[in-house]
Every structure is written in C-alpha cells, then in structure tokens.
Amino acid sequence: MLKRLLMLMGAAEAACWRAIGPEISSPGTCEKPTPEDYERAIDNPDYMDFGVVYTYAVLEGISEESAFVLGSAYARMLAEGMSKAYAIVYAAAYSVACTLIGASEQWARAYAQACAHVIAARESVGFAAVYGHAIAEGASPEDARAFARRYAV
C-alpha cells in the first residue's frame, strides 16, 4: 500500500510537470541522511513510528535513503499530533519532493502540507500534486485550487 501511494504521488507529480513545467523557485535538495541522522532517529522517542515505516518501505523495495526520508517525515507528523492517515500522505508527498523532485526543505514541506490537506479533504492525488506544487511556488490557496481544477489529471 505504501509503495502504491508513493508511486501515485510520483506519477501525479510527473503529470503535473508535464502540465505546468518542472520549474521550482527553490532549487536545491533536502539534505541526505547521514549516519548521525540514523543514530538520532534510533534515540528519538518516536523511533517506533519511524522504524515501522522505514522497515516496511525497505521491505517494499524503496531505497534506504527514501525510506529514511519517509519514516522521518511520518514520525515528525505524528509527534506534531497529526493523524496517522494525514502523516502517511504528508510523508509520501515530502519523500517525493525530496527524492524525486530534488526540492529544497522549505519547498518540500509546503508541498507535502498542501498535498496532505487536500487529500484529507477527499481530493484526488492528481489534484493534490498540482495544488501542492502551486502552493509551494507561493500561490494563494484560492489560486492554487483554481489552477489545480484546470490542470489536474
């Protein structure tokens, strides 16, 4: 299921790029996990949340780096009090932004948050990708929604 969600998010973002272009205003990449990051994750009280998602992702064939990004984002959202459903959608979108798009940390967070909000509101993954992309680029929620209605696949 997790692998399917990541594939859907990645495919939706690829379609978004074809529709509106791959330009992002905050180029750069989310930081790659270091050995110290893995140690900090293990020492974190939310390690079980991280560990479950990380292990499942690796078993599903997702690279260790992507699994780390995914598990860390998931644990961070749960620690902030988000529901498990919101957290996994956020984590998937964040992972796509960091590993597929190569976005900056700020862009990835804005994108993931926007995607999770609209999916929670029962919009499609395609809509979420276009909406999240527009929000991360600085569009207002109203403009992003109108844009996503027009270009979502």
C-alpha atoms as a PDB file:
ATOM      1  CA  MET A   1       0.000   0.000   0.000  1.00  0.00           C
ATOM      2  CA  LEU A   2       2.804   2.417   0.912  1.00  0.00           C
ATOM      3  CA  LYS A   3       4.666   1.689  -2.301  1.00  0.00           C
ATOM      4  CA  ARG A   4       1.428   2.272  -4.246  1.00  0.00           C
ATOM      5  CA  LEU A   5       0.924   5.647  -2.528  1.00  0.00           C
ATOM      6  CA  LEU A   6       4.488   6.689  -3.370  1.00  0.00           C
ATOM      7  CA  MET A   7       4.028   5.549  -6.972  1.00  0.00           C
ATOM      8  CA  LEU A   8       0.753   7.504  -7.247  1.00  0.00           C
ATOM      9  CA  MET A   9       2.329  10.645  -5.769  1.00  0.00           C
ATOM     10  CA  GLY A  10       5.326  10.335  -8.098  1.00  0.00           C
ATOM     11  CA  ALA A  11       3.159   9.734 -11.170  1.00  0.00           C
ATOM     12  CA  ALA A  12       0.884  12.652 -10.253  1.00  0.00           C
ATOM     13  CA  GLU A  13       3.862  14.963  -9.814  1.00  0.00           C
ATOM     14  CA  ALA A  14       5.311  13.810 -13.158  1.00  0.00           C
ATOM     15  CA  ALA A  15       1.974  14.621 -14.812  1.00  0.00           C
ATOM     16  CA  CYS A  16       1.975  17.975 -13.030  1.00  0.00           C
ATOM     17  CA  TRP A  17       5.407  18.719 -14.509  1.00  0.00           C
ATOM     18  CA  ARG A  18       4.127  17.922 -17.979  1.00  0.00           C
ATOM     19  CA  ALA A  19       1.159  20.243 -17.453  1.00  0.00           C
ATOM     20  CA  ILE A  20       2.841  23.223 -15.796  1.00  0.00           C
ATOM     21  CA  GLY A  21       6.570  22.650 -16.154  1.00  0.00           C
ATOM     22  CA  PRO A  22       9.247  21.382 -13.801  1.00  0.00           C
ATOM     23  CA  GLU A  23      10.478  24.771 -12.631  1.00  0.00           C
ATOM     24  CA  ILE A  24      10.586  25.213  -8.892  1.00  0.00           C
ATOM     25  CA  SER A  25      11.551  28.500  -7.349  1.00  0.00           C
ATOM     26  CA  SER A  26      13.560  26.939  -4.542  1.00  0.00           C
ATOM     27  CA  PRO A  27      16.016  24.619  -6.224  1.00  0.00           C
ATOM     28  CA  GLY A  28      18.313  22.567  -4.077  1.00  0.00           C
ATOM     29  CA  THR A  29      17.809  19.346  -2.290  1.00  0.00           C
ATOM     30  CA  CYS A  30      16.619  18.180   1.042  1.00  0.00           C
ATOM     31  CA  GLU A  31      19.622  17.032   2.996  1.00  0.00           C
ATOM     32  CA  LYS A  32      20.717  13.434   2.528  1.00  0.00           C
ATOM     33  CA  PRO A  33      20.599  11.371   5.728  1.00  0.00           C
ATOM     34  CA  THR A  34      23.942  10.868   7.433  1.00  0.00           C
ATOM     35  CA  PRO A  35      24.961   8.048   9.807  1.00  0.00           C
ATOM     36  CA  GLU A  36      24.370  10.505  12.658  1.00  0.00           C
ATOM     37  CA  ASP A  37      20.795  11.022  11.436  1.00  0.00           C
ATOM     38  CA  TYR A  38      20.164   7.289  11.733  1.00  0.00           C
ATOM     39  CA  GLU A  39      21.563   7.321  15.275  1.00  0.00           C
ATOM     40  CA  ARG A  40      19.372  10.291  16.235  1.00  0.00           C
ATOM     41  CA  ALA A  41      16.327   8.510  14.791  1.00  0.00           C
ATOM     42  CA  ILE A  42      17.018   5.487  16.978  1.00  0.00           C
ATOM     43  CA  ASP A  43      17.428   7.681  20.080  1.00  0.00           C
ATOM     44  CA  ASN A  44      14.199   9.556  19.318  1.00  0.00           C
ATOM     45  CA  PRO A  45      11.111   8.628  21.403  1.00  0.00           C
ATOM     46  CA  ASP A  46       9.192   8.388  18.121  1.00  0.00           C
ATOM     47  CA  TYR A  47      11.602   5.691  16.901  1.00  0.00           C
ATOM     48  CA  MET A  48       8.861   3.067  16.745  1.00  0.00           C
ATOM     49  CA  ASP A  49       6.876   5.238  14.327  1.00  0.00           C
ATOM     50  CA  PHE A  50       9.991   5.869  12.256  1.00  0.00           C
ATOM     51  CA  GLY A  51      11.146   2.264  12.444  1.00  0.00           C
ATOM     52  CA  VAL A  52       7.886   0.704  11.342  1.00  0.00           C
ATOM     53  CA  VAL A  53       7.556   2.900   8.251  1.00  0.00           C
ATOM     54  CA  TYR A  54      11.272   2.697   7.434  1.00  0.00           C
ATOM     55  CA  THR A  55      11.344  -1.098   7.679  1.00  0.00           C
ATOM     56  CA  TYR A  56       8.137  -1.538   5.707  1.00  0.00           C
ATOM     57  CA  ALA A  57       9.371   0.816   2.988  1.00  0.00           C
ATOM     58  CA  VAL A  58      12.694  -1.013   2.640  1.00  0.00           C
ATOM     59  CA  LEU A  59      10.889  -4.366   2.503  1.00  0.00           C
ATOM     60  CA  GLU A  60       8.705  -2.924  -0.266  1.00  0.00           C
ATOM     61  CA  GLY A  61      11.828  -2.189  -2.316  1.00  0.00           C
ATOM     62  CA  ILE A  62      12.157   1.520  -1.584  1.00  0.00           C
ATOM     63  CA  SER A  63      15.757   2.731  -1.279  1.00  0.00           C
ATOM     64  CA  GLU A  64      17.138   3.186   2.228  1.00  0.00           C
ATOM     65  CA  GLU A  65      17.556   6.926   1.669  1.00  0.00           C
ATOM     66  CA  SER A  66      13.953   7.378   0.521  1.00  0.00           C
ATOM     67  CA  ALA A  67      12.742   5.135   3.342  1.00  0.00           C
ATOM     68  CA  PHE A  68      14.645   7.278   5.856  1.00  0.00           C
ATOM     69  CA  VAL A  69      13.084  10.485   4.489  1.00  0.00           C
ATOM     70  CA  LEU A  70       9.652   8.849   4.529  1.00  0.00           C
ATOM     71  CA  GLY A  71       9.979   7.422   8.049  1.00  0.00           C
ATOM     72  CA  SER A  72      11.367  10.648   9.471  1.00  0.00           C
ATOM     73  CA  ALA A  73       8.563  12.747   7.982  1.00  0.00           C
ATOM     74  CA  TYR A  74       5.952  10.278   9.229  1.00  0.00           C
ATOM     75  CA  ALA A  75       7.345  10.273  12.781  1.00  0.00           C
ATOM     76  CA  ARG A  76       7.618  14.090  12.750  1.00  0.00           C
ATOM     77  CA  MET A  77       3.950  14.482  11.774  1.00  0.00           C
ATOM     78  CA  LEU A  78       2.789  12.041  14.460  1.00  0.00           C
ATOM     79  CA  ALA A  79       4.928  13.889  17.020  1.00  0.00           C
ATOM     80  CA  GLU A  80       3.161  17.094  15.964  1.00  0.00           C
ATOM     81  CA  GLY A  81      -0.195  15.458  16.719  1.00  0.00           C
ATOM     82  CA  MET A  82      -1.371  14.682  13.202  1.00  0.00           C
ATOM     83  CA  SER A  83      -3.452  11.593  12.465  1.00  0.00           C
ATOM     84  CA  LYS A  84      -1.767   8.518  11.011  1.00  0.00           C
ATOM     85  CA  ALA A  85      -3.631   8.999   7.714  1.00  0.00           C
ATOM     86  CA  TYR A  86      -2.506  12.622   7.416  1.00  0.00           C
ATOM     87  CA  ALA A  87       1.036  11.687   8.461  1.00  0.00           C
ATOM     88  CA  ILE A  88       1.470   8.988   5.826  1.00  0.00           C
ATOM     89  CA  VAL A  89       0.165  11.187   2.998  1.00  0.00           C
ATOM     90  CA  TYR A  90       2.377  14.063   4.168  1.00  0.00           C
ATOM     91  CA  ALA A  91       5.372  11.732   4.403  1.00  0.00           C
ATOM     92  CA  ALA A  92       4.769  10.312   0.931  1.00  0.00           C
ATOM     93  CA  ALA A  93       4.476  13.777  -0.633  1.00  0.00           C
ATOM     94  CA  TYR A  94       7.520  15.009   1.302  1.00  0.00           C
ATOM     95  CA  SER A  95       9.538  11.993   0.189  1.00  0.00           C
ATOM     96  CA  VAL A  96       8.548  12.565  -3.451  1.00  0.00           C
ATOM     97  CA  ALA A  97       9.527  16.241  -3.183  1.00  0.00           C
ATOM     98  CA  CYS A  98      12.920  15.423  -1.659  1.00  0.00           C
ATOM     99  CA  THR A  99      13.895  12.344  -3.634  1.00  0.00           C
ATOM    100  CA  LEU A 100      12.088  12.710  -6.968  1.00  0.00           C
ATOM    101  CA  ILE A 101      11.918  16.469  -7.428  1.00  0.00           C
ATOM    102  CA  GLY A 102      15.090  17.369  -5.533  1.00  0.00           C
ATOM    103  CA  ALA A 103      13.331  20.275  -3.870  1.00  0.00           C
ATOM    104  CA  SER A 104      14.557  22.410  -1.008  1.00  0.00           C
ATOM    105  CA  GLU A 105      13.431  21.624   2.524  1.00  0.00           C
ATOM    106  CA  GLN A 106      11.068  24.610   2.616  1.00  0.00           C
ATOM    107  CA  TRP A 107       9.522  23.762  -0.769  1.00  0.00           C
ATOM    108  CA  ALA A 108       9.131  20.087   0.183  1.00  0.00           C
ATOM    109  CA  ARG A 109       7.366  20.940   3.449  1.00  0.00           C
ATOM    110  CA  ALA A 110       4.968  23.387   1.778  1.00  0.00           C
ATOM    111  CA  TYR A 111       4.240  20.884  -0.979  1.00  0.00           C
ATOM    112  CA  ALA A 112       3.670  17.992   1.436  1.00  0.00           C
ATOM    113  CA  GLN A 113       1.444  20.009   3.745  1.00  0.00           C
ATOM    114  CA  ALA A 114      -0.700  21.245   0.854  1.00  0.00           C
ATOM    115  CA  CYS A 115      -0.991  17.738  -0.607  1.00  0.00           C
ATOM    116  CA  ALA A 116      -1.984  16.235   2.745  1.00  0.00           C
ATOM    117  CA  HIS A 117      -4.608  18.944   3.374  1.00  0.00           C
ATOM    118  CA  VAL A 118      -6.395  18.486   0.070  1.00  0.00           C
ATOM    119  CA  ILE A 119      -6.228  14.699   0.145  1.00  0.00           C
ATOM    120  CA  ALA A 120      -7.744  14.874   3.629  1.00  0.00           C
ATOM    121  CA  ALA A 121     -10.496  16.937   2.005  1.00  0.00           C
ATOM    122  CA  ARG A 122     -11.072  13.997  -0.384  1.00  0.00           C
ATOM    123  CA  GLU A 123      -9.406  15.418  -3.477  1.00  0.00           C
ATOM    124  CA  SER A 124      -7.541  13.148  -5.893  1.00  0.00           C
ATOM    125  CA  VAL A 125      -3.799  12.545  -5.813  1.00  0.00           C
ATOM    126  CA  GLY A 126      -3.510  14.279  -9.204  1.00  0.00           C
ATOM    127  CA  PHE A 127      -5.323  17.330  -7.856  1.00  0.00           C
ATOM    128  CA  ALA A 128      -3.111  17.276  -4.761  1.00  0.00           C
ATOM    129  CA  ALA A 129       0.090  17.250  -6.819  1.00  0.00           C
ATOM    130  CA  VAL A 130      -0.922  20.278  -8.875  1.00  0.00           C
ATOM    131  CA  TYR A 131      -2.342  22.100  -5.854  1.00  0.00           C
ATOM    132  CA  GLY A 132       0.722  21.329  -3.718  1.00  0.00           C
ATOM    133  CA  HIS A 133       3.066  22.415  -6.483  1.00  0.00           C
ATOM    134  CA  ALA A 134       1.225  25.735  -6.846  1.00  0.00           C
ATOM    135  CA  ILE A 135       1.167  26.347  -3.070  1.00  0.00           C
ATOM    136  CA  ALA A 136       4.887  25.569  -2.785  1.00  0.00           C
ATOM    137  CA  GLU A 137       5.505  28.104  -5.546  1.00  0.00           C
ATOM    138  CA  GLY A 138       3.706  30.770  -3.499  1.00  0.00           C
ATOM    139  CA  ALA A 139       0.186  30.778  -4.966  1.00  0.00           C
ATOM    140  CA  SER A 140      -2.709  31.649  -2.693  1.00  0.00           C
ATOM    141  CA  PRO A 141      -4.961  28.723  -1.724  1.00  0.00           C
ATOM    142  CA  GLU A 142      -7.735  30.111  -3.945  1.00  0.00           C
ATOM    143  CA  ASP A 143      -5.442  30.487  -6.969  1.00  0.00           C
ATOM    144  CA  ALA A 144      -3.878  27.074  -6.343  1.00  0.00           C
ATOM    145  CA  ARG A 145      -7.326  25.454  -6.160  1.00  0.00           C
ATOM    146  CA  ALA A 146      -8.440  27.097  -9.421  1.00  0.00           C
ATOM    147  CA  PHE A 147      -5.171  26.113 -11.063  1.00  0.00           C
ATOM    148  CA  ALA A 148      -5.479  22.522  -9.862  1.00  0.00           C
ATOM    149  CA  ARG A 149      -9.067  22.299 -11.088  1.00  0.00           C
ATOM    150  CA  ARG A 150      -7.824  23.297 -14.530  1.00  0.00           C
ATOM    151  CA  TYR A 151      -4.676  21.174 -14.780  1.00  0.00           C
ATOM    152  CA  ALA A 152      -5.215  18.156 -12.534  1.00  0.00           C
ATOM    153  CA  VAL A 153      -5.165  14.866 -14.372  1.00  0.00           C
END
